[in-house]
Amino acid sequence: MADFKRDTPLQRERLQVLTDAVKEYLKVVEIPIGGRHRKTTLTFTGDRFKPTSIECRYITPKQKTDD
């Protein structure tokens, strides 16, 4: 969870909603079929919390080969 200067329940709840929305979007767009979400990092800057980067990490299972 992010560190806010004014850490209120509303800020924490809204950040969680944003995190969940980004996670669901990345599941649909970024993560390949069969992949599994591992970690999403949102980076904000400034006093208005402008998003500057979103980093998504995922795991793709190894494909089995028949010998």
PDB file of N, CA and C in Angstrom:
ATOM      1  N   MET A   1       0.851  -1.174   0.000  1.00  0.00           N
ATOM      2  CA  MET A   1       0.000   0.000   0.000  1.00  0.00           C
ATOM      3  C   MET A   1       0.891   1.229   0.000  1.00  0.00           C
ATOM      4  N   ALA A   2       0.433   2.294  -0.600  1.00  0.00           N
ATOM      5  CA  ALA A   2       1.214   3.525  -0.736  1.00  0.00           C
ATOM      6  C   ALA A   2       1.278   4.284   0.582  1.00  0.00           C
ATOM      7  N   ASP A   3       2.297   5.107   0.716  1.00  0.00           N
ATOM      8  CA  ASP A   3       2.430   5.980   1.878  1.00  0.00           C
ATOM      9  C   ASP A   3       1.906   7.356   1.503  1.00  0.00           C
ATOM     10  N   PHE A   4       0.874   7.814   2.198  1.00  0.00           N
ATOM     11  CA  PHE A   4       0.286   9.114   1.954  1.00  0.00           C
ATOM     12  C   PHE A   4       0.639  10.050   3.108  1.00  0.00           C
ATOM     13  N   LYS A   5       0.733  11.342   2.810  1.00  0.00           N
ATOM     14  CA  LYS A   5       0.937  12.323   3.872  1.00  0.00           C
ATOM     15  C   LYS A   5      -0.297  12.377   4.759  1.00  0.00           C
ATOM     16  N   ARG A   6      -1.464  12.280   4.139  1.00  0.00           N
ATOM     17  CA  ARG A   6      -2.728  12.250   4.873  1.00  0.00           C
ATOM     18  C   ARG A   6      -3.368  10.892   4.612  1.00  0.00           C
ATOM     19  N   ASP A   7      -2.968   9.922   5.361  1.00  0.00           N
ATOM     20  CA  ASP A   7      -3.400   8.546   5.132  1.00  0.00           C
ATOM     21  C   ASP A   7      -4.786   8.337   5.739  1.00  0.00           C
ATOM     22  N   THR A   8      -5.813   8.509   4.903  1.00  0.00           N
ATOM     23  CA  THR A   8      -7.183   8.365   5.378  1.00  0.00           C
ATOM     24  C   THR A   8      -7.770   7.068   4.830  1.00  0.00           C
ATOM     25  N   PRO A   9      -8.813   6.560   5.439  1.00  0.00           N
ATOM     26  CA  PRO A   9      -9.470   5.365   4.910  1.00  0.00           C
ATOM     27  C   PRO A   9      -9.955   5.550   3.476  1.00  0.00           C
ATOM     28  N   LEU A  10     -10.411   6.745   3.117  1.00  0.00           N
ATOM     29  CA  LEU A  10     -10.873   7.002   1.756  1.00  0.00           C
ATOM     30  C   LEU A  10      -9.721   6.875   0.758  1.00  0.00           C
ATOM     31  N   GLN A  11      -8.558   7.437   1.081  1.00  0.00           N
ATOM     32  CA  GLN A  11      -7.393   7.327   0.199  1.00  0.00           C
ATOM     33  C   GLN A  11      -6.982   5.871   0.022  1.00  0.00           C
ATOM     34  N   ARG A  12      -6.938   5.133   1.105  1.00  0.00           N
ATOM     35  CA  ARG A  12      -6.562   3.716   1.023  1.00  0.00           C
ATOM     36  C   ARG A  12      -7.558   2.922   0.186  1.00  0.00           C
ATOM     37  N   GLU A  13      -8.845   3.195   0.367  1.00  0.00           N
ATOM     38  CA  GLU A  13      -9.876   2.472  -0.379  1.00  0.00           C
ATOM     39  C   GLU A  13      -9.826   2.816  -1.859  1.00  0.00           C
ATOM     40  N   ARG A  14      -9.659   4.083  -2.203  1.00  0.00           N
ATOM     41  CA  ARG A  14      -9.587   4.496  -3.605  1.00  0.00           C
ATOM     42  C   ARG A  14      -8.343   3.946  -4.290  1.00  0.00           C
ATOM     43  N   LEU A  15      -7.218   3.898  -3.580  1.00  0.00           N
ATOM     44  CA  LEU A  15      -6.001   3.324  -4.144  1.00  0.00           C
ATOM     45  C   LEU A  15      -6.185   1.838  -4.402  1.00  0.00           C
ATOM     46  N   GLN A  16      -6.881   1.146  -3.522  1.00  0.00           N
ATOM     47  CA  GLN A  16      -7.135  -0.278  -3.719  1.00  0.00           C
ATOM     48  C   GLN A  16      -8.046  -0.507  -4.921  1.00  0.00           C
ATOM     49  N   VAL A  17      -9.056   0.354  -5.103  1.00  0.00           N
ATOM     50  CA  VAL A  17      -9.938   0.248  -6.268  1.00  0.00           C
ATOM     51  C   VAL A  17      -9.139   0.454  -7.547  1.00  0.00           C
ATOM     52  N   LEU A  18      -8.264   1.465  -7.566  1.00  0.00           N
ATOM     53  CA  LEU A  18      -7.423   1.722  -8.733  1.00  0.00           C
ATOM     54  C   LEU A  18      -6.493   0.544  -9.012  1.00  0.00           C
ATOM     55  N   THR A  19      -5.880   0.005  -7.985  1.00  0.00           N
ATOM     56  CA  THR A  19      -4.983  -1.140  -8.145  1.00  0.00           C
ATOM     57  C   THR A  19      -5.718  -2.340  -8.718  1.00  0.00           C
ATOM     58  N   ASP A  20      -6.907  -2.619  -8.227  1.00  0.00           N
ATOM     59  CA  ASP A  20      -7.691  -3.747  -8.726  1.00  0.00           C
ATOM     60  C   ASP A  20      -8.104  -3.534 -10.182  1.00  0.00           C
ATOM     61  N   ALA A  21      -8.471  -2.300 -10.541  1.00  0.00           N
ATOM     62  CA  ALA A  21      -8.861  -2.016 -11.919  1.00  0.00           C
ATOM     63  C   ALA A  21      -7.685  -2.200 -12.872  1.00  0.00           C
ATOM     64  N   VAL A  22      -6.514  -1.730 -12.484  1.00  0.00           N
ATOM     65  CA  VAL A  22      -5.322  -1.895 -13.325  1.00  0.00           C
ATOM     66  C   VAL A  22      -4.969  -3.364 -13.448  1.00  0.00           C
ATOM     67  N   LYS A  23      -5.062  -4.099 -12.364  1.00  0.00           N
ATOM     68  CA  LYS A  23      -4.755  -5.533 -12.382  1.00  0.00           C
ATOM     69  C   LYS A  23      -5.685  -6.282 -13.339  1.00  0.00           C
ATOM     70  N   GLU A  24      -6.972  -5.992 -13.284  1.00  0.00           N
ATOM     71  CA  GLU A  24      -7.928  -6.651 -14.173  1.00  0.00           C
ATOM     72  C   GLU A  24      -7.685  -6.271 -15.635  1.00  0.00           C
ATOM     73  N   TYR A  25      -7.366  -4.999 -15.880  1.00  0.00           N
ATOM     74  CA  TYR A  25      -7.079  -4.556 -17.244  1.00  0.00           C
ATOM     75  C   TYR A  25      -5.853  -5.285 -17.791  1.00  0.00           C
ATOM     76  N   LEU A  26      -4.811  -5.388 -16.994  1.00  0.00           N
ATOM     77  CA  LEU A  26      -3.593  -6.048 -17.448  1.00  0.00           C
ATOM     78  C   LEU A  26      -3.819  -7.537 -17.684  1.00  0.00           C
ATOM     79  N   LYS A  27      -4.712  -8.147 -16.909  1.00  0.00           N
ATOM     80  CA  LYS A  27      -5.035  -9.555 -17.145  1.00  0.00           C
ATOM     81  C   LYS A  27      -5.631  -9.753 -18.531  1.00  0.00           C
ATOM     82  N   VAL A  28      -6.447  -8.801 -18.965  1.00  0.00           N
ATOM     83  CA  VAL A  28      -7.110  -8.903 -20.261  1.00  0.00           C
ATOM     84  C   VAL A  28      -6.159  -8.553 -21.398  1.00  0.00           C
ATOM     85  N   VAL A  29      -5.334  -7.532 -21.231  1.00  0.00           N
ATOM     86  CA  VAL A  29      -4.532  -7.000 -22.328  1.00  0.00           C
ATOM     87  C   VAL A  29      -3.098  -7.527 -22.345  1.00  0.00           C
ATOM     88  N   GLU A  30      -2.421  -7.526 -21.238  1.00  0.00           N
ATOM     89  CA  GLU A  30      -0.979  -7.744 -21.196  1.00  0.00           C
ATOM     90  C   GLU A  30      -0.574  -9.205 -20.979  1.00  0.00           C
ATOM     91  N   ILE A  31      -1.219  -9.888 -20.081  1.00  0.00           N
ATOM     92  CA  ILE A  31      -0.788 -11.228 -19.682  1.00  0.00           C
ATOM     93  C   ILE A  31      -1.209 -12.249 -20.742  1.00  0.00           C
ATOM     94  N   PRO A  32      -0.253 -13.070 -21.205  1.00  0.00           N
ATOM     95  CA  PRO A  32      -0.596 -14.056 -22.238  1.00  0.00           C
ATOM     96  C   PRO A  32      -1.514 -15.154 -21.692  1.00  0.00           C
ATOM     97  N   ILE A  33      -2.175 -15.844 -22.601  1.00  0.00           N
ATOM     98  CA  ILE A  33      -3.072 -16.928 -22.198  1.00  0.00           C
ATOM     99  C   ILE A  33      -2.254 -17.989 -21.474  1.00  0.00           C
ATOM    100  N   GLY A  34      -2.726 -18.414 -20.343  1.00  0.00           N
ATOM    101  CA  GLY A  34      -2.019 -19.393 -19.530  1.00  0.00           C
ATOM    102  C   GLY A  34      -1.069 -18.763 -18.532  1.00  0.00           C
ATOM    103  N   GLY A  35      -0.851 -17.455 -18.640  1.00  0.00           N
ATOM    104  CA  GLY A  35       0.027 -16.754 -17.710  1.00  0.00           C
ATOM    105  C   GLY A  35      -0.683 -16.471 -16.398  1.00  0.00           C
ATOM    106  N   ARG A  36       0.117 -16.181 -15.390  1.00  0.00           N
ATOM    107  CA  ARG A  36      -0.432 -15.922 -14.062  1.00  0.00           C
ATOM    108  C   ARG A  36       0.130 -14.609 -13.546  1.00  0.00           C
ATOM    109  N   HIS A  37      -0.751 -13.754 -13.031  1.00  0.00           N
ATOM    110  CA  HIS A  37      -0.343 -12.458 -12.492  1.00  0.00           C
ATOM    111  C   HIS A  37       0.517 -12.667 -11.258  1.00  0.00           C
ATOM    112  N   ARG A  38       1.595 -11.916 -11.165  1.00  0.00           N
ATOM    113  CA  ARG A  38       2.468 -12.025 -10.008  1.00  0.00           C
ATOM    114  C   ARG A  38       2.476 -10.738  -9.190  1.00  0.00           C
ATOM    115  N   LYS A  39       2.747  -9.602  -9.866  1.00  0.00           N
ATOM    116  CA  LYS A  39       2.854  -8.357  -9.118  1.00  0.00           C
ATOM    117  C   LYS A  39       2.609  -7.179 -10.053  1.00  0.00           C
ATOM    118  N   THR A  40       1.865  -6.191  -9.579  1.00  0.00           N
ATOM    119  CA  THR A  40       1.662  -4.953 -10.310  1.00  0.00           C
ATOM    120  C   THR A  40       2.116  -3.812  -9.423  1.00  0.00           C
ATOM    121  N   THR A  41       2.985  -2.938  -9.967  1.00  0.00           N
ATOM    122  CA  THR A  41       3.496  -1.801  -9.227  1.00  0.00           C
ATOM    123  C   THR A  41       3.064  -0.521  -9.931  1.00  0.00           C
ATOM    124  N   LEU A  42       2.376   0.340  -9.194  1.00  0.00           N
ATOM    125  CA  LEU A  42       1.958   1.640  -9.699  1.00  0.00           C
ATOM    126  C   LEU A  42       2.878   2.692  -9.085  1.00  0.00           C
ATOM    127  N   THR A  43       3.423   3.595  -9.908  1.00  0.00           N
ATOM    128  CA  THR A  43       4.296   4.653  -9.410  1.00  0.00           C
ATOM    129  C   THR A  43       3.610   5.992  -9.629  1.00  0.00           C
ATOM    130  N   PHE A  44       3.498   6.777  -8.560  1.00  0.00           N
ATOM    131  CA  PHE A  44       2.866   8.090  -8.601  1.00  0.00           C
ATOM    132  C   PHE A  44       3.889   9.151  -8.226  1.00  0.00           C
ATOM    133  N   THR A  45       3.728  10.367  -8.793  1.00  0.00           N
ATOM    134  CA  THR A  45       4.598  11.483  -8.435  1.00  0.00           C
ATOM    135  C   THR A  45       3.751  12.715  -8.153  1.00  0.00           C
ATOM    136  N   GLY A  46       4.340  13.631  -7.429  1.00  0.00           N
ATOM    137  CA  GLY A  46       3.704  14.918  -7.170  1.00  0.00           C
ATOM    138  C   GLY A  46       2.665  14.877  -6.077  1.00  0.00           C
ATOM    139  N   ASP A  47       2.181  16.067  -5.733  1.00  0.00           N
ATOM    140  CA  ASP A  47       1.196  16.177  -4.664  1.00  0.00           C
ATOM    141  C   ASP A  47      -0.203  15.808  -5.128  1.00  0.00           C
ATOM    142  N   ARG A  48      -0.394  15.651  -6.437  1.00  0.00           N
ATOM    143  CA  ARG A  48      -1.697  15.222  -6.964  1.00  0.00           C
ATOM    144  C   ARG A  48      -1.685  13.759  -7.388  1.00  0.00           C
ATOM    145  N   PHE A  49      -0.615  13.055  -7.048  1.00  0.00           N
ATOM    146  CA  PHE A  49      -0.482  11.620  -7.325  1.00  0.00           C
ATOM    147  C   PHE A  49      -0.705  11.291  -8.796  1.00  0.00           C
ATOM    148  N   LYS A  50       0.085  11.931  -9.659  1.00  0.00           N
ATOM    149  CA  LYS A  50       0.024  11.673 -11.095  1.00  0.00           C
ATOM    150  C   LYS A  50       0.707  10.334 -11.379  1.00  0.00           C
ATOM    151  N   PRO A  51       0.002   9.383 -12.002  1.00  0.00           N
ATOM    152  CA  PRO A  51       0.635   8.092 -12.299  1.00  0.00           C
ATOM    153  C   PRO A  51       1.713   8.253 -13.360  1.00  0.00           C
ATOM    154  N   THR A  52       2.916   7.750 -13.077  1.00  0.00           N
ATOM    155  CA  THR A  52       4.021   7.878 -14.023  1.00  0.00           C
ATOM    156  C   THR A  52       4.404   6.546 -14.652  1.00  0.00           C
ATOM    157  N   SER A  53       4.166   5.451 -13.955  1.00  0.00           N
ATOM    158  CA  SER A  53       4.471   4.155 -14.562  1.00  0.00           C
ATOM    159  C   SER A  53       3.641   3.048 -13.924  1.00  0.00           C
ATOM    160  N   ILE A  54       3.398   2.031 -14.722  1.00  0.00           N
ATOM    161  CA  ILE A  54       2.724   0.826 -14.263  1.00  0.00           C
ATOM    162  C   ILE A  54       3.588  -0.338 -14.717  1.00  0.00           C
ATOM    163  N   GLU A  55       4.036  -1.150 -13.771  1.00  0.00           N
ATOM    164  CA  GLU A  55       4.876  -2.294 -14.089  1.00  0.00           C
ATOM    165  C   GLU A  55       4.132  -3.563 -13.700  1.00  0.00           C
ATOM    166  N   CYS A  56       3.996  -4.456 -14.660  1.00  0.00           N
ATOM    167  CA  CYS A  56       3.275  -5.699 -14.426  1.00  0.00           C
ATOM    168  C   CYS A  56       4.237  -6.874 -14.579  1.00  0.00           C
ATOM    169  N   ARG A  57       4.248  -7.750 -13.619  1.00  0.00           N
ATOM    170  CA  ARG A  57       5.060  -8.956 -13.701  1.00  0.00           C
ATOM    171  C   ARG A  57       4.134 -10.161 -13.693  1.00  0.00           C
ATOM    172  N   TYR A  58       4.460 -11.112 -14.538  1.00  0.00           N
ATOM    173  CA  TYR A  58       3.633 -12.304 -14.624  1.00  0.00           C
ATOM    174  C   TYR A  58       4.510 -13.515 -14.905  1.00  0.00           C
ATOM    175  N   ILE A  59       3.933 -14.668 -14.695  1.00  0.00           N
ATOM    176  CA  ILE A  59       4.621 -15.946 -14.898  1.00  0.00           C
ATOM    177  C   ILE A  59       3.945 -16.655 -16.050  1.00  0.00           C
ATOM    178  N   THR A  60       4.737 -17.157 -16.965  1.00  0.00           N
ATOM    179  CA  THR A  60       4.203 -17.976 -18.042  1.00  0.00           C
ATOM    180  C   THR A  60       4.685 -19.404 -17.840  1.00  0.00           C
ATOM    181  N   PRO A  61       3.782 -20.348 -17.868  1.00  0.00           N
ATOM    182  CA  PRO A  61       4.202 -21.742 -17.677  1.00  0.00           C
ATOM    183  C   PRO A  61       5.028 -22.232 -18.858  1.00  0.00           C
ATOM    184  N   LYS A  62       5.966 -23.106 -18.543  1.00  0.00           N
ATOM    185  CA  LYS A  62       6.789 -23.700 -19.612  1.00  0.00           C
ATOM    186  C   LYS A  62       5.932 -24.628 -20.431  1.00  0.00           C
ATOM    187  N   GLN A  63       6.165 -24.603 -21.734  1.00  0.00           N
ATOM    188  CA  GLN A  63       5.413 -25.502 -22.610  1.00  0.00           C
ATOM    189  C   GLN A  63       6.078 -26.862 -22.602  1.00  0.00           C
ATOM    190  N   LYS A  64       5.251 -27.879 -22.472  1.00  0.00           N
ATOM    191  CA  LYS A  64       5.753 -29.241 -22.447  1.00  0.00           C
ATOM    192  C   LYS A  64       6.004 -29.708 -23.875  1.00  0.00           C
ATOM    193  N   THR A  65       7.109 -30.379 -24.073  1.00  0.00           N
ATOM    194  CA  THR A  65       7.418 -30.921 -25.390  1.00  0.00           C
ATOM    195  C   THR A  65       7.324 -32.432 -25.333  1.00  0.00           C
ATOM    196  N   ASP A  66       6.765 -33.019 -26.364  1.00  0.00           N
ATOM    197  CA  ASP A  66       6.663 -34.471 -26.434  1.00  0.00           C
ATOM    198  C   ASP A  66       7.905 -35.001 -27.148  1.00  0.00           C
ATOM    199  N   ASP A  67       8.655 -35.848 -26.463  1.00  0.00           N
ATOM    200  CA  ASP A  67       9.860 -36.441 -27.060  1.00  0.00           C
ATOM    201  C   ASP A  67       9.596 -37.835 -27.534  1.00  0.00           C
TER     202      ASP A  67
END
